[in-house]
C-alpha atoms as a PDB file:
ATOM      1  CA  MET A   1     -25.365  10.430  46.486  1.00  0.00           C
ATOM      2  CA  LEU A   2     -22.429  12.672  45.535  1.00  0.00           C
ATOM      3  CA  TYR A   3     -20.378   9.546  44.789  1.00  0.00           C
ATOM      4  CA  LEU A   4     -23.109   8.223  42.458  1.00  0.00           C
ATOM      5  CA  LYS A   5     -23.303  11.595  40.692  1.00  0.00           C
ATOM      6  CA  LYS A   6     -19.549  11.469  40.051  1.00  0.00           C
ATOM      7  CA  ILE A   7     -19.833   7.958  38.629  1.00  0.00           C
ATOM      8  CA  PHE A   8     -22.760   9.056  36.444  1.00  0.00           C
ATOM      9  CA  SER A   9     -20.827  12.108  35.244  1.00  0.00           C
ATOM     10  CA  PHE A  10     -17.813   9.923  34.385  1.00  0.00           C
ATOM     11  CA  PHE A  11     -19.882   7.515  32.306  1.00  0.00           C
ATOM     12  CA  THR A  12     -21.682  10.404  30.584  1.00  0.00           C
ATOM     13  CA  PHE A  13     -18.315  11.930  29.682  1.00  0.00           C
ATOM     14  CA  PHE A  14     -16.975   8.563  28.462  1.00  0.00           C
ATOM     15  CA  ALA A  15     -20.107   7.992  26.344  1.00  0.00           C
ATOM     16  CA  ALA A  16     -19.723  11.433  24.785  1.00  0.00           C
ATOM     17  CA  LEU A  17     -16.115  10.629  23.905  1.00  0.00           C
ATOM     18  CA  SER A  18     -17.210   7.355  22.306  1.00  0.00           C
ATOM     19  CA  ILE A  19     -19.861   9.098  20.226  1.00  0.00           C
ATOM     20  CA  ASN A  20     -17.405  11.758  19.050  1.00  0.00           C
ATOM     21  CA  TYR A  21     -14.817   9.066  18.235  1.00  0.00           C
ATOM     22  CA  SER A  22     -17.331   7.451  15.914  1.00  0.00           C
ATOM     23  CA  GLN A  23     -18.671  10.666  14.434  1.00  0.00           C
ATOM     24  CA  ASP A  24     -15.313  12.204  13.519  1.00  0.00           C
ATOM     25  CA  SER A  25     -13.909   9.087  11.834  1.00  0.00           C
ATOM     26  CA  ASN A  26     -13.728   9.156   8.052  1.00  0.00           C
ATOM     27  CA  THR A  27     -15.810   6.915   5.811  1.00  0.00           C
ATOM     28  CA  VAL A  28     -14.582   4.485   3.145  1.00  0.00           C
ATOM     29  CA  ASN A  29     -16.963   3.462   0.358  1.00  0.00           C
ATOM     30  CA  TYR A  30     -15.424   0.258  -1.009  1.00  0.00           C
ATOM     31  CA  SER A  31     -15.995  -2.121  -3.916  1.00  0.00           C
ATOM     32  CA  LEU A  32     -14.240  -5.394  -4.762  1.00  0.00           C
ATOM     33  CA  PHE A  33     -14.018  -6.480  -8.407  1.00  0.00           C
ATOM     34  CA  LEU A  34     -12.723  -9.478 -10.328  1.00  0.00           C
ATOM     35  CA  GLU A  35     -11.327  -8.751 -13.800  1.00  0.00           C
ATOM     36  CA  LYS A  36     -11.023 -11.046 -16.823  1.00  0.00           C
ATOM     37  CA  SER A  37      -9.375 -10.492 -20.186  1.00  0.00           C
ATOM     38  CA  VAL A  38     -11.707 -11.035 -23.133  1.00  0.00           C
ATOM     39  CA  GLY A  39      -9.881 -10.731 -26.437  1.00  0.00           C
ATOM     40  CA  PHE A  40      -8.269  -7.285 -26.445  1.00  0.00           C
ATOM     41  CA  ALA A  41     -10.499  -5.946 -23.665  1.00  0.00           C
ATOM     42  CA  THR A  42     -11.177  -6.609 -19.978  1.00  0.00           C
ATOM     43  CA  ILE A  43     -14.458  -7.192 -18.162  1.00  0.00           C
ATOM     44  CA  ASP A  44     -15.080  -6.571 -14.458  1.00  0.00           C
ATOM     45  CA  THR A  45     -17.599  -8.217 -12.183  1.00  0.00           C
ATOM     46  CA  LYS A  46     -18.388  -6.693  -8.794  1.00  0.00           C
ATOM     47  CA  ILE A  47     -18.209  -9.174  -5.921  1.00  0.00           C
ATOM     48  CA  VAL A  48     -19.080  -6.978  -2.944  1.00  0.00           C
ATOM     49  CA  ASP A  49     -19.399  -3.339  -1.943  1.00  0.00           C
ATOM     50  CA  GLY A  50     -20.246  -1.405   1.175  1.00  0.00           C
ATOM     51  CA  VAL A  51     -19.160   1.280   3.629  1.00  0.00           C
ATOM     52  CA  PHE A  52     -16.968   1.234   6.724  1.00  0.00           C
ATOM     53  CA  LYS A  53     -15.451   3.777   9.087  1.00  0.00           C
ATOM     54  CA  GLU A  54     -11.677   4.033   9.585  1.00  0.00           C
ATOM     55  CA  GLY A  55     -10.782   1.835  12.500  1.00  0.00           C
ATOM     56  CA  ASN A  56     -12.929  -0.863  10.901  1.00  0.00           C
ATOM     57  CA  GLY A  57     -13.013  -2.699   7.580  1.00  0.00           C
ATOM     58  CA  PHE A  58     -14.704  -5.515   5.682  1.00  0.00           C
ATOM     59  CA  THR A  59     -14.402  -9.273   5.192  1.00  0.00           C
ATOM     60  CA  ILE A  60     -14.301 -10.950   1.776  1.00  0.00           C
ATOM     61  CA  PRO A  61     -17.515 -13.012   1.642  1.00  0.00           C
ATOM     62  CA  SER A  62     -18.195 -16.412   0.122  1.00  0.00           C
ATOM     63  CA  ALA A  63     -19.555 -16.115  -3.416  1.00  0.00           C
ATOM     64  CA  ILE A  64     -20.345 -18.251  -6.433  1.00  0.00           C
ATOM     65  CA  LEU A  65     -18.690 -16.548  -9.377  1.00  0.00           C
ATOM     66  CA  PRO A  66     -20.994 -15.930 -12.360  1.00  0.00           C
ATOM     67  CA  ASN A  67     -20.757 -18.002 -15.531  1.00  0.00           C
ATOM     68  CA  SER A  68     -22.820 -15.619 -17.666  1.00  0.00           C
ATOM     69  CA  PRO A  69     -22.941 -13.317 -19.498  1.00  0.00           C
ATOM     70  CA  ILE A  70     -19.135 -13.538 -18.958  1.00  0.00           C
ATOM     71  CA  ASP A  71     -17.785 -16.748 -17.444  1.00  0.00           C
ATOM     72  CA  PHE A  72     -15.722 -16.128 -14.296  1.00  0.00           C
ATOM     73  CA  SER A  73     -16.178 -19.636 -12.913  1.00  0.00           C
ATOM     74  CA  ALA A  74     -12.603 -20.671 -13.780  1.00  0.00           C
ATOM     75  CA  TYR A  75     -11.417 -18.380 -10.955  1.00  0.00           C
ATOM     76  CA  GLN A  76     -13.504 -20.023  -8.229  1.00  0.00           C
ATOM     77  CA  ASP A  77     -10.518 -21.740  -6.558  1.00  0.00           C
ATOM     78  CA  LEU A  78      -8.568 -18.472  -6.669  1.00  0.00           C
ATOM     79  CA  TYR A  79     -11.436 -16.529  -5.141  1.00  0.00           C
ATOM     80  CA  ASN A  80     -12.142 -19.196  -2.498  1.00  0.00           C
ATOM     81  CA  ALA A  81      -8.533 -18.817  -1.321  1.00  0.00           C
ATOM     82  CA  LEU A  82      -9.293 -15.177  -0.414  1.00  0.00           C
ATOM     83  CA  VAL A  83     -12.645 -15.801   1.315  1.00  0.00           C
ATOM     84  CA  GLY A  84     -12.504 -14.724   4.949  1.00  0.00           C
ATOM     85  CA  GLY A  85      -9.760 -12.215   4.217  1.00  0.00           C
ATOM     86  CA  LYS A  86     -10.134  -9.126   6.404  1.00  0.00           C
ATOM     87  CA  PHE A  87      -9.190  -5.625   5.225  1.00  0.00           C
ATOM     88  CA  SER A  88      -9.118  -2.608   7.554  1.00  0.00           C
ATOM     89  CA  ILE A  89      -7.710   0.915   7.867  1.00  0.00           C
ATOM     90  CA  ASP A  90      -6.462   2.234  11.207  1.00  0.00           C
ATOM     91  CA  TYR A  91      -8.430   4.940  12.988  1.00  0.00           C
ATOM     92  CA  GLY A  92      -6.491   8.168  12.407  1.00  0.00           C
ATOM     93  CA  ALA A  93      -5.035   7.056   9.070  1.00  0.00           C
ATOM     94  CA  LEU A  94      -7.257   9.310   6.937  1.00  0.00           C
ATOM     95  CA  ASN A  95      -7.882  13.033   6.602  1.00  0.00           C
ATOM     96  CA  ASN A  96     -10.868  12.685   4.277  1.00  0.00           C
ATOM     97  CA  ASP A  97     -13.596  10.297   3.209  1.00  0.00           C
ATOM     98  CA  LEU A  98     -12.565   7.880   0.441  1.00  0.00           C
ATOM     99  CA  ILE A  99     -13.975   5.907  -2.437  1.00  0.00           C
ATOM    100  CA  MET A 100     -11.851   2.766  -2.760  1.00  0.00           C
ATOM    101  CA  LYS A 101     -12.077   0.260  -5.606  1.00  0.00           C
ATOM    102  CA  ILE A 102     -10.083  -2.965  -5.266  1.00  0.00           C
ATOM    103  CA  PHE A 103      -9.478  -5.006  -8.424  1.00  0.00           C
ATOM    104  CA  ILE A 104      -8.312  -8.635  -8.458  1.00  0.00           C
ATOM    105  CA  ARG A 105      -6.398  -8.462 -11.731  1.00  0.00           C
ATOM    106  CA  ASN A 106      -3.708 -10.010 -13.934  1.00  0.00           C
ATOM    107  CA  LEU A 107      -5.586 -13.281 -14.196  1.00  0.00           C
ATOM    108  CA  ASP A 108      -4.803 -15.972 -16.754  1.00  0.00           C
ATOM    109  CA  PRO A 109      -8.072 -16.248 -18.719  1.00  0.00           C
ATOM    110  CA  ASN A 110      -7.589 -20.003 -19.180  1.00  0.00           C
ATOM    111  CA  SER A 111      -5.923 -21.494 -16.101  1.00  0.00           C
ATOM    112  CA  GLY A 112      -7.865 -19.803 -13.290  1.00  0.00           C
ATOM    113  CA  LYS A 113      -4.619 -18.476 -11.774  1.00  0.00           C
ATOM    114  CA  TYR A 114      -2.713 -15.193 -11.630  1.00  0.00           C
ATOM    115  CA  LEU A 115      -0.231 -14.372 -14.346  1.00  0.00           C
ATOM    116  CA  ASN A 116       3.358 -14.356 -13.080  1.00  0.00           C
ATOM    117  CA  LEU A 117       4.576 -10.814 -12.386  1.00  0.00           C
ATOM    118  CA  GLY A 118       7.847  -9.029 -11.679  1.00  0.00           C
ATOM    119  CA  GLU A 119      11.311  -9.406 -13.149  1.00  0.00           C
ATOM    120  CA  SER A 120      11.598 -12.905 -11.654  1.00  0.00           C
ATOM    121  CA  SER A 121       8.113 -13.920 -12.895  1.00  0.00           C
ATOM    122  CA  ASP A 122       6.987 -14.663  -9.361  1.00  0.00           C
ATOM    123  CA  THR A 123       4.056 -16.993  -8.772  1.00  0.00           C
ATOM    124  CA  LEU A 124       1.247 -15.226  -6.890  1.00  0.00           C
ATOM    125  CA  PHE A 125      -1.424 -16.435  -4.493  1.00  0.00           C
ATOM    126  CA  ALA A 126      -2.977 -12.931  -4.217  1.00  0.00           C
ATOM    127  CA  TYR A 127      -2.880  -9.717  -6.232  1.00  0.00           C
ATOM    128  CA  PHE A 128      -4.801  -6.438  -5.838  1.00  0.00           C
ATOM    129  CA  GLU A 129      -4.771  -3.131  -7.676  1.00  0.00           C
ATOM    130  CA  ILE A 130      -6.367  -0.344  -5.651  1.00  0.00           C
ATOM    131  CA  ARG A 131      -7.798   2.937  -6.920  1.00  0.00           C
ATOM    132  CA  ILE A 132      -8.586   5.773  -4.505  1.00  0.00           C
ATOM    133  CA  TRP A 133     -10.777   8.868  -4.846  1.00  0.00           C
ATOM    134  CA  GLU A 134     -10.265  11.308  -1.957  1.00  0.00           C
ATOM    135  CA  LEU A 135     -13.364  13.372  -1.175  1.00  0.00           C
ATOM    136  CA  PRO A 136     -14.755  16.021  -1.331  1.00  0.00           C
ATOM    137  CA  ASP A 137     -12.658  17.067  -4.354  1.00  0.00           C
ATOM    138  CA  SER A 138     -12.443  13.566  -5.869  1.00  0.00           C
ATOM    139  CA  ASN A 139      -8.635  13.675  -6.044  1.00  0.00           C
ATOM    140  CA  PHE A 140      -7.828  10.500  -7.981  1.00  0.00           C
ATOM    141  CA  TYR A 141      -4.985   8.113  -7.122  1.00  0.00           C
ATOM    142  CA  PRO A 142      -4.714   5.451  -9.861  1.00  0.00           C
ATOM    143  CA  GLU A 143      -3.501   1.977  -8.983  1.00  0.00           C
ATOM    144  CA  GLU A 144       0.105   2.657 -10.007  1.00  0.00           C
ATOM    145  CA  THR A 145       0.235   5.730  -7.714  1.00  0.00           C
ATOM    146  CA  SER A 146       0.551   5.283  -3.958  1.00  0.00           C
ATOM    147  CA  TYR A 147      -2.067   6.644  -1.559  1.00  0.00           C
ATOM    148  CA  TYR A 148      -0.211   7.302   1.718  1.00  0.00           C
ATOM    149  CA  PHE A 149      -1.794   7.230   5.165  1.00  0.00           C
ATOM    150  CA  ASN A 150      -1.004   9.578   8.020  1.00  0.00           C
ATOM    151  CA  GLU A 151       2.311   8.786   9.700  1.00  0.00           C
ATOM    152  CA  GLY A 152       2.153   5.812  12.046  1.00  0.00           C
ATOM    153  CA  PHE A 153      -1.114   4.391  10.664  1.00  0.00           C
ATOM    154  CA  PHE A 154      -1.679   1.492   8.295  1.00  0.00           C
ATOM    155  CA  ALA A 155      -3.978  -0.504   6.073  1.00  0.00           C
ATOM    156  CA  ARG A 156      -4.107  -4.112   7.245  1.00  0.00           C
ATOM    157  CA  PHE A 157      -5.076  -7.316   5.466  1.00  0.00           C
ATOM    158  CA  SER A 158      -5.206 -10.892   6.691  1.00  0.00           C
ATOM    159  CA  ILE A 159      -5.959 -14.110   4.763  1.00  0.00           C
ATOM    160  CA  PRO A 160      -6.750 -17.187   6.893  1.00  0.00           C
ATOM    161  CA  LYS A 161      -4.742 -20.306   6.066  1.00  0.00           C
ATOM    162  CA  SER A 162      -7.897 -22.180   5.235  1.00  0.00           C
ATOM    163  CA  GLU A 163      -8.297 -25.438   3.339  1.00  0.00           C
ATOM    164  CA  SER A 164      -9.204 -23.334   0.290  1.00  0.00           C
ATOM    165  CA  LEU A 165      -5.969 -21.314   0.487  1.00  0.00           C
ATOM    166  CA  ASN A 166      -3.894 -24.472   0.934  1.00  0.00           C
ATOM    167  CA  ASN A 167      -5.692 -26.009  -2.049  1.00  0.00           C
ATOM    168  CA  PHE A 168      -4.902 -22.979  -4.202  1.00  0.00           C
ATOM    169  CA  LEU A 169      -1.246 -22.976  -3.090  1.00  0.00           C
ATOM    170  CA  ASN A 170      -1.102 -26.622  -4.156  1.00  0.00           C
ATOM    171  CA  ILE A 171      -2.530 -25.709  -7.581  1.00  0.00           C
ATOM    172  CA  LEU A 172       0.176 -23.042  -7.915  1.00  0.00           C
ATOM    173  CA  GLY A 173       2.967 -25.406  -6.893  1.00  0.00           C
ATOM    174  CA  ILE A 174       3.706 -23.484  -3.674  1.00  0.00           C
ATOM    175  CA  GLU A 175       4.412 -25.881  -0.804  1.00  0.00           C
ATOM    176  CA  ASN A 176       2.318 -25.370   2.323  1.00  0.00           C
ATOM    177  CA  ASN A 177       5.473 -25.001   4.436  1.00  0.00           C
ATOM    178  CA  GLU A 178       6.998 -22.263   2.234  1.00  0.00           C
ATOM    179  CA  GLU A 179       7.241 -18.792   3.752  1.00  0.00           C
ATOM    180  CA  LEU A 180       4.914 -16.247   2.146  1.00  0.00           C
ATOM    181  CA  ALA A 181       5.091 -12.456   1.912  1.00  0.00           C
ATOM    182  CA  PHE A 182       3.414  -9.408   0.392  1.00  0.00           C
ATOM    183  CA  SER A 183       5.070  -6.625  -1.580  1.00  0.00           C
ATOM    184  CA  TYR A 184       4.296  -3.633  -3.792  1.00  0.00           C
ATOM    185  CA  LEU A 185       4.535  -3.919  -7.579  1.00  0.00           C
ATOM    186  CA  GLU A 186       6.365  -0.752  -8.648  1.00  0.00           C
ATOM    187  CA  GLU A 187       8.025   0.506 -11.804  1.00  0.00           C
ATOM    188  CA  LYS A 188      11.827   0.340 -11.760  1.00  0.00           C
ATOM    189  CA  ASN A 189      13.915   1.177 -14.814  1.00  0.00           C
ATOM    190  CA  ASN A 190      10.796   1.046 -17.020  1.00  0.00           C
ATOM    191  CA  GLN A 191       9.922  -2.441 -15.772  1.00  0.00           C
ATOM    192  CA  ASP A 192       7.583  -3.567 -13.002  1.00  0.00           C
ATOM    193  CA  ASP A 193       9.172  -5.378 -10.077  1.00  0.00           C
ATOM    194  CA  TRP A 194       8.530  -5.987  -6.390  1.00  0.00           C
ATOM    195  CA  ASN A 195       9.482  -3.613  -3.581  1.00  0.00           C
ATOM    196  CA  ALA A 196       8.797  -4.290   0.100  1.00  0.00           C
ATOM    197  CA  TRP A 197       9.595  -0.740   1.229  1.00  0.00           C
ATOM    198  CA  GLY A 198       6.674   0.318   3.446  1.00  0.00           C
ATOM    199  CA  ILE A 199       4.878  -3.019   3.773  1.00  0.00           C
ATOM    200  CA  GLN A 200       5.337  -5.571   6.555  1.00  0.00           C
ATOM    201  CA  SER A 201       4.355  -9.220   6.106  1.00  0.00           C
ATOM    202  CA  ILE A 202       3.453 -11.511   8.987  1.00  0.00           C
ATOM    203  CA  ASP A 203       3.337 -15.235   8.153  1.00  0.00           C
ATOM    204  CA  ASP A 204       2.061 -17.258  11.079  1.00  0.00           C
ATOM    205  CA  THR A 205       0.410 -20.648  11.530  1.00  0.00           C
ATOM    206  CA  ASP A 206      -3.156 -19.373  11.075  1.00  0.00           C
ATOM    207  CA  SER A 207      -2.877 -16.571   8.498  1.00  0.00           C
ATOM    208  CA  ILE A 208      -0.712 -14.480   6.207  1.00  0.00           C
ATOM    209  CA  LYS A 209      -1.010 -10.738   6.908  1.00  0.00           C
ATOM    210  CA  PHE A 210       0.346  -7.381   5.908  1.00  0.00           C
ATOM    211  CA  LYS A 211       0.281  -3.853   7.225  1.00  0.00           C
ATOM    212  CA  ALA A 212       1.079  -1.136   4.695  1.00  0.00           C
ATOM    213  CA  ILE A 213       1.805   2.589   4.814  1.00  0.00           C
ATOM    214  CA  HIS A 214       0.158   3.127   1.418  1.00  0.00           C
ATOM    215  CA  LEU A 215      -2.161   1.459  -1.072  1.00  0.00           C
ATOM    216  CA  SER A 216      -1.343   0.864  -4.731  1.00  0.00           C
ATOM    217  CA  ARG A 217      -0.573  -2.496  -6.388  1.00  0.00           C
ATOM    218  CA  ILE A 218      -0.014  -5.283  -3.843  1.00  0.00           C
ATOM    219  CA  GLY A 219       0.815  -8.918  -4.468  1.00  0.00           C
ATOM    220  CA  GLY A 220       1.420 -11.972  -2.333  1.00  0.00           C
ATOM    221  CA  GLY A 221       3.802 -14.805  -3.187  1.00  0.00           C
ATOM    222  CA  ARG A 222       6.862 -16.656  -1.945  1.00  0.00           C
ATOM    223  CA  LYS A 223       9.043 -14.716   0.488  1.00  0.00           C
ATOM    224  CA  ARG A 224      11.466 -13.736  -2.295  1.00  0.00           C
ATOM    225  CA  ILE A 225       8.771 -11.310  -3.501  1.00  0.00           C
ATOM    226  CA  SER A 226      10.021  -8.970  -0.768  1.00  0.00           C
ATOM    227  CA  SER A 227      12.931  -7.988  -3.069  1.00  0.00           C
ATOM    228  CA  ASN A 228      15.700  -8.796  -0.588  1.00  0.00           C
ATOM    229  CA  ILE A 229      14.401  -6.253   1.944  1.00  0.00           C
ATOM    230  CA  GLN A 230      13.605  -7.884   5.258  1.00  0.00           C
ATOM    231  CA  PRO A 231      10.373  -6.205   6.427  1.00  0.00           C
ATOM    232  CA  ASN A 232      10.169  -4.980  10.004  1.00  0.00           C
ATOM    233  CA  ASP A 233       8.779  -2.018  11.880  1.00  0.00           C
ATOM    234  CA  SER A 234      11.792   0.197  11.247  1.00  0.00           C
ATOM    235  CA  ILE A 235      11.506  -0.119   7.478  1.00  0.00           C
ATOM    236  CA  LEU A 236       8.053   1.391   7.766  1.00  0.00           C
ATOM    237  CA  ALA A 237       9.468   4.535   9.377  1.00  0.00           C
ATOM    238  CA  VAL A 238       9.410   6.825   6.346  1.00  0.00           C
ATOM    239  CA  ASN A 239       8.199  10.057   7.904  1.00  0.00           C
ATOM    240  CA  LEU A 240       6.441  12.435   5.526  1.00  0.00           C
ATOM    241  CA  LYS A 241       5.031  15.708   6.815  1.00  0.00           C
ATOM    242  CA  SER A 242       3.711  19.001   5.453  1.00  0.00           C
ATOM    243  CA  LEU A 243       5.517  22.276   6.163  1.00  0.00           C
ATOM    244  CA  SER A 244       4.157  25.845   6.266  1.00  0.00           C
ATOM    245  CA  GLY A 245       4.418  28.288   3.388  1.00  0.00           C
ATOM    246  CA  ILE A 246       3.042  28.689  -0.132  1.00  0.00           C
ATOM    247  CA  PRO A 247       5.447  27.525  -2.879  1.00  0.00           C
ATOM    248  CA  THR A 248       5.705  29.300  -6.233  1.00  0.00           C
ATOM    249  CA  GLN A 249       7.780  26.680  -8.054  1.00  0.00           C
ATOM    250  CA  LEU A 250       8.995  23.094  -7.934  1.00  0.00           C
ATOM    251  CA  ASN A 251      12.000  22.935  -5.637  1.00  0.00           C
ATOM    252  CA  LEU A 252      14.226  20.241  -4.132  1.00  0.00           C
ATOM    253  CA  SER A 253      16.543  21.097  -1.247  1.00  0.00           C
ATOM    254  CA  GLN A 254      19.831  19.489  -0.310  1.00  0.00           C
ATOM    255  CA  ASN A 255      19.330  16.695   2.182  1.00  0.00           C
ATOM    256  CA  TYR A 256      20.543  17.301   5.717  1.00  0.00           C
ATOM    257  CA  PRO A 257      22.666  16.135   7.336  1.00  0.00           C
ATOM    258  CA  ASN A 258      24.895  15.316   4.395  1.00  0.00           C
ATOM    259  CA  PRO A 259      26.917  13.103   4.537  1.00  0.00           C
ATOM    260  CA  PHE A 260      24.533  11.095   6.716  1.00  0.00           C
ATOM    261  CA  ASN A 261      24.308   7.904   8.740  1.00  0.00           C
ATOM    262  CA  PRO A 262      21.825   6.431   9.365  1.00  0.00           C
ATOM    263  CA  SER A 263      19.036   8.976   8.699  1.00  0.00           C
ATOM    264  CA  THR A 264      18.538  12.153   6.683  1.00  0.00           C
ATOM    265  CA  LYS A 265      15.800  14.629   5.777  1.00  0.00           C
ATOM    266  CA  ILE A 266      14.818  15.944   2.355  1.00  0.00           C
ATOM    267  CA  GLN A 267      12.593  19.009   1.869  1.00  0.00           C
ATOM    268  CA  TYR A 268      10.801  19.787  -1.386  1.00  0.00           C
ATOM    269  CA  SER A 269       8.110  22.113  -2.737  1.00  0.00           C
ATOM    270  CA  ILE A 270       5.252  21.422  -5.140  1.00  0.00           C
ATOM    271  CA  ALA A 271       3.726  24.503  -6.784  1.00  0.00           C
ATOM    272  CA  ASN A 272       0.980  22.590  -8.622  1.00  0.00           C
ATOM    273  CA  SER A 273      -0.958  19.610  -7.311  1.00  0.00           C
ATOM    274  CA  GLY A 274      -0.286  16.312  -9.042  1.00  0.00           C
ATOM    275  CA  ASN A 275       1.438  12.947  -8.835  1.00  0.00           C
ATOM    276  CA  VAL A 276       4.792  13.234  -7.054  1.00  0.00           C
ATOM    277  CA  LYS A 277       7.692  10.767  -7.014  1.00  0.00           C
ATOM    278  CA  LEU A 278      10.830  11.030  -4.907  1.00  0.00           C
ATOM    279  CA  ASP A 279      13.215   8.197  -5.774  1.00  0.00           C
ATOM    280  CA  VAL A 280      16.761   7.233  -4.795  1.00  0.00           C
ATOM    281  CA  TYR A 281      19.253   5.836  -7.321  1.00  0.00           C
ATOM    282  CA  ASN A 282      22.826   4.627  -6.970  1.00  0.00           C
ATOM    283  CA  ILE A 283      25.665   6.317  -8.826  1.00  0.00           C
ATOM    284  CA  ILE A 284      25.219   4.117 -11.936  1.00  0.00           C
ATOM    285  CA  GLY A 285      21.528   4.986 -12.172  1.00  0.00           C
ATOM    286  CA  LYS A 286      19.970   1.829 -10.694  1.00  0.00           C
ATOM    287  CA  HIS A 287      16.765   2.460  -8.750  1.00  0.00           C
ATOM    288  CA  VAL A 288      17.274   1.727  -5.044  1.00  0.00           C
ATOM    289  CA  LEU A 289      14.046   2.774  -3.302  1.00  0.00           C
ATOM    290  CA  SER A 290      10.995   5.026  -3.514  1.00  0.00           C
ATOM    291  CA  LEU A 291      10.434   7.556  -0.720  1.00  0.00           C
ATOM    292  CA  VAL A 292       7.294   9.199  -2.134  1.00  0.00           C
ATOM    293  CA  ASN A 293       4.911   7.993  -4.852  1.00  0.00           C
ATOM    294  CA  SER A 294       1.529   9.663  -4.448  1.00  0.00           C
ATOM    295  CA  TYR A 295      -0.782  12.502  -5.429  1.00  0.00           C
ATOM    296  CA  GLN A 296       0.041  15.636  -3.425  1.00  0.00           C
ATOM    297  CA  THR A 297      -1.520  19.061  -3.240  1.00  0.00           C
ATOM    298  CA  SER A 298       0.522  22.251  -3.652  1.00  0.00           C
ATOM    299  CA  GLY A 299       2.719  22.767  -0.618  1.00  0.00           C
ATOM    300  CA  ASN A 300       6.051  22.285   1.125  1.00  0.00           C
ATOM    301  CA  TYR A 301       7.009  18.834   2.370  1.00  0.00           C
ATOM    302  CA  GLU A 302       9.726  17.032   4.300  1.00  0.00           C
ATOM    303  CA  VAL A 303      10.532  13.319   4.156  1.00  0.00           C
ATOM    304  CA  GLU A 304      12.853  11.600   6.621  1.00  0.00           C
ATOM    305  CA  PHE A 305      14.132   8.064   6.208  1.00  0.00           C
ATOM    306  CA  SER A 306      16.639   5.774   7.882  1.00  0.00           C
ATOM    307  CA  THR A 307      18.985   3.180   6.386  1.00  0.00           C
ATOM    308  CA  ASP A 308      18.977   1.057   9.560  1.00  0.00           C
ATOM    309  CA  ALA A 309      16.528  -1.526   8.204  1.00  0.00           C
ATOM    310  CA  LEU A 310      18.098  -1.769   4.754  1.00  0.00           C
ATOM    311  CA  LYS A 311      21.135  -3.748   5.939  1.00  0.00           C
ATOM    312  CA  ASN A 312      23.275  -4.503   2.893  1.00  0.00           C
ATOM    313  CA  LYS A 313      20.988  -2.833   0.359  1.00  0.00           C
ATOM    314  CA  LEU A 314      22.681   0.554   0.843  1.00  0.00           C
ATOM    315  CA  THR A 315      26.461   0.749   1.133  1.00  0.00           C
ATOM    316  CA  SER A 316      28.664   3.788   1.701  1.00  0.00           C
ATOM    317  CA  GLY A 317      28.860   6.072  -1.307  1.00  0.00           C
ATOM    318  CA  ILE A 318      27.115   8.675  -3.446  1.00  0.00           C
ATOM    319  CA  TYR A 319      23.395   8.408  -4.252  1.00  0.00           C
ATOM    320  CA  ILE A 320      21.116  10.497  -6.461  1.00  0.00           C
ATOM    321  CA  TYR A 321      17.655  11.489  -5.245  1.00  0.00           C
ATOM    322  CA  THR A 322      15.188  12.679  -7.885  1.00  0.00           C
ATOM    323  CA  LEU A 323      11.944  14.604  -7.553  1.00  0.00           C
ATOM    324  CA  LYS A 324       9.396  14.248 -10.392  1.00  0.00           C
ATOM    325  CA  SER A 325       6.125  16.196 -10.662  1.00  0.00           C
ATOM    326  CA  ASN A 326       4.008  17.448 -13.564  1.00  0.00           C
ATOM    327  CA  ASN A 327       6.628  16.478 -16.180  1.00  0.00           C
ATOM    328  CA  TYR A 328       9.446  18.308 -14.339  1.00  0.00           C
ATOM    329  CA  THR A 329      12.450  16.612 -12.733  1.00  0.00           C
ATOM    330  CA  ILE A 330      15.074  17.823 -10.228  1.00  0.00           C
ATOM    331  CA  SER A 331      17.973  15.732  -8.929  1.00  0.00           C
ATOM    332  CA  LYS A 332      20.614  16.155  -6.226  1.00  0.00           C
ATOM    333  CA  LYS A 333      23.424  14.084  -4.750  1.00  0.00           C
ATOM    334  CA  MET A 334      23.724  12.803  -1.205  1.00  0.00           C
ATOM    335  CA  VAL A 335      26.427  10.801   0.544  1.00  0.00           C
ATOM    336  CA  LEU A 336      25.907   7.833   2.860  1.00  0.00           C
ATOM    337  CA  MET A 337      28.914   7.341   5.138  1.00  0.00           C
ATOM    338  CA  LYS A 338      29.005   4.182   7.256  1.00  0.00           C
END
């Protein structure tokens, strides 16, 4: 009898843990839209919406695109290629409930395909722009601003290599045996281009997948879209954490160690909440990588990154790192010594 009581107590405890696991997970209210240019304006049509808990997600459903009052039917092959795609956010990735709106954008109004994007005018088989509202204060992260997850957690997306996807790749002129990849569309030198920092693509026989440390503007295309950065787990190891203290002004500290190889830490302070960018440039002013690109509340922060995964992208020499927030900019030099 005592043995049975212990078993019963164990299962009661395990059930309580399971209930708490579910109850303390954050909620994501999501919507998926398709956008079409009409003259000098754009029109959205909502495809699906719903709610999921972190640790879960949603699947893109089959749908017949409307032909009135605005005709979206030209994009049916494009949409069919995404059907069955699964989006999820890891349990533990969020600190708050979210409203998430995903837009399938940059569509050619005539051909039923995506417009080519990036400096190399890359052909795309998928493209999403994601807006985030973080509750309860409705902090807004527009699509060009990154919404970062807690360290070590990711958003994940997988598109099955279905007959519909293969058909759409054929329409685009992408061979079925070509390697595919995802990347972020980010502004560099006042022009949008692709950057694979923080996103890992997995191209296997059954699907093309990504896991990403933040959400913003994400596209899928040929492997060259990864901007010469070979994605792997180590490239995702950009560690961002909050520090104690209440800042009174914008401040950027000298990185340490300096010179460094292969990793270094940078501390900075944000007196007023807002969009924050921490970028690295080479000595001639060419953008090399983005360490932070997100909305942040007032506070002290530390970012640590490693050059291990960048291979030949960073060579020995002097680099400039620049902090931008609320129309103020601070820059400092650091030295990579290999």
